[in-house]
């Protein structure tokens, strides 16, 4: 079992920045893909960004150039640096750990609200 704990959400004005963190509860996950998804009210959960153990990244078109995902395998933690935030970025952001067998792990989510 792995627990994922997100932090760093909050309220920010449009154009501002936030950094989300997601800490995994155990070691040995440096080979796993991890990532961030988000869910806005009334919408489906959508991919924001993913990162492989080797550092390869993938982003949703809507956040390319504004968000940066990174990971620190020594701390079992991933980050999402969000800049130039827009009101449409308002959502609950979820951290995920992809597994090779079984169900992926998800955090409880952290609210990001961008005011116009």
Protein backbone atom coordinates (compact mmCIF):
# COMPACT_ATOMS: atom_id res chain seq x y z
CA UNK A 1 0.00 0.00 0.00
CA UNK A 2 1.06 3.55 -0.75
CA UNK A 3 -0.46 6.73 0.58
CA UNK A 4 -0.09 9.93 -1.41
CA UNK A 5 -0.32 13.25 0.38
CA UNK A 6 -0.82 16.39 -1.69
CA UNK A 7 -0.14 19.88 -0.42
CA UNK A 8 0.30 23.40 -1.73
CA UNK A 9 -3.13 24.22 -3.04
CA UNK A 10 -4.89 27.46 -2.28
CA UNK A 11 -6.38 30.65 -3.61
CA UNK A 12 -4.40 32.76 -6.06
CA UNK A 13 -5.14 35.58 -8.44
CA UNK A 14 -4.99 35.08 -12.17
CA UNK A 15 -1.43 35.34 -13.39
CA UNK A 16 -0.06 34.04 -10.11
CA UNK A 17 1.84 30.89 -9.25
CA UNK A 18 1.51 27.91 -6.95
CA UNK A 19 3.58 24.81 -6.33
CA UNK A 20 1.90 21.54 -5.47
CA UNK A 21 3.71 18.69 -3.77
CA UNK A 22 2.83 15.03 -3.50
CA UNK A 23 4.71 12.82 -1.07
CA UNK A 24 4.48 9.06 -1.25
CA UNK A 25 4.49 7.10 1.98
CA UNK A 26 7.15 4.59 1.03
CA UNK A 27 10.32 4.12 -0.98
CA UNK A 28 10.86 1.95 -4.01
CA UNK A 29 8.67 3.90 -6.41
CA UNK A 30 11.34 5.66 -8.40
CA UNK A 31 10.56 3.51 -11.46
CA UNK A 32 6.86 4.27 -11.39
CA UNK A 33 5.17 6.89 -13.49
CA UNK A 34 3.57 9.55 -11.33
CA UNK A 35 1.42 12.45 -12.28
CA UNK A 36 -1.21 15.06 -11.66
CA UNK A 37 -4.83 15.09 -12.73
CA UNK A 38 -7.49 17.66 -12.01
CA UNK A 39 -11.25 17.78 -11.77
CA UNK A 40 -13.27 20.95 -12.05
CA UNK A 41 -16.89 21.12 -10.82
CA UNK A 42 -19.21 19.34 -13.23
CA UNK A 43 -16.36 18.05 -15.36
CA UNK A 44 -14.51 14.77 -15.71
CA UNK A 45 -11.10 14.26 -14.20
CA UNK A 46 -8.43 15.13 -16.75
CA UNK A 47 -4.71 14.64 -17.15
CA UNK A 48 -2.49 17.57 -16.27
CA UNK A 49 1.01 16.09 -16.43
CA UNK A 50 2.95 12.89 -15.90
CA UNK A 51 6.57 12.06 -15.28
CA UNK A 52 8.43 8.79 -15.62
CA UNK A 53 11.08 7.51 -13.27
CA UNK A 54 13.70 8.71 -15.72
CA UNK A 55 12.23 12.17 -15.87
CA UNK A 56 10.36 12.06 -19.17
CA UNK A 57 7.36 14.37 -18.97
CA UNK A 58 4.02 14.70 -20.69
CA UNK A 59 1.61 17.63 -20.43
CA UNK A 60 -1.93 18.46 -21.38
CA UNK A 61 -2.00 21.02 -24.16
CA UNK A 62 -3.86 23.43 -21.90
CA UNK A 63 -0.94 23.68 -19.45
CA UNK A 64 2.10 23.38 -21.72
CA UNK A 65 4.49 26.24 -21.16
CA UNK A 66 2.85 27.21 -17.87
CA UNK A 67 3.16 24.12 -15.66
CA UNK A 68 6.24 22.07 -14.87
CA UNK A 69 6.22 18.63 -13.29
CA UNK A 70 9.27 17.32 -11.51
CA UNK A 71 10.22 14.62 -9.06
CA UNK A 72 12.71 14.01 -6.28
CA UNK A 73 13.13 10.27 -6.00
CA UNK A 74 15.22 10.61 -2.85
CA UNK A 75 12.20 12.21 -1.16
CA UNK A 76 9.57 10.08 -2.91
CA UNK A 77 7.93 13.32 -3.94
CA UNK A 78 6.67 14.93 -7.11
CA UNK A 79 5.92 18.57 -7.69
CA UNK A 80 3.80 20.66 -9.99
CA UNK A 81 4.97 24.22 -10.48
CA UNK A 82 2.07 26.21 -11.87
CA UNK A 83 2.61 29.66 -13.33
CA UNK A 84 0.48 32.14 -15.25
CA UNK A 85 -2.57 30.61 -13.64
CA UNK A 86 -5.95 31.16 -15.21
CA UNK A 87 -9.45 30.94 -13.72
CA UNK A 88 -10.02 27.83 -15.84
CA UNK A 89 -7.23 26.11 -13.90
CA UNK A 90 -9.53 26.09 -10.87
CA UNK A 91 -10.03 22.47 -9.84
CA UNK A 92 -9.18 19.83 -7.32
CA UNK A 93 -5.73 18.51 -8.21
CA UNK A 94 -4.99 14.84 -7.61
CA UNK A 95 -1.67 13.09 -7.46
CA UNK A 96 -1.42 9.58 -8.86
CA UNK A 97 1.10 6.76 -8.78
CA UNK A 98 0.83 4.34 -11.69
CA UNK A 99 1.44 0.69 -10.85
CA UNK A 100 2.34 -2.24 -13.07
CA UNK A 101 -0.21 -4.59 -11.54
CA UNK A 102 -3.45 -3.65 -9.86
CA UNK A 103 -5.12 -0.31 -9.34
CA UNK A 104 -3.26 2.97 -9.47
CA UNK A 105 -2.92 4.96 -6.26
CA UNK A 106 -4.55 8.36 -5.82
CA UNK A 107 -4.23 11.11 -3.28
CA UNK A 108 -7.14 12.87 -1.62
CA UNK A 109 -6.73 15.97 -3.73
CA UNK A 110 -5.89 19.60 -3.08
CA UNK A 111 -8.06 22.54 -4.10
CA UNK A 112 -6.65 25.19 -6.42
CA UNK A 113 -8.77 28.27 -6.93
CA UNK A 114 -7.76 31.02 -9.35
CA UNK A 115 -9.66 34.26 -9.08
CA UNK A 116 -10.09 36.63 -12.01
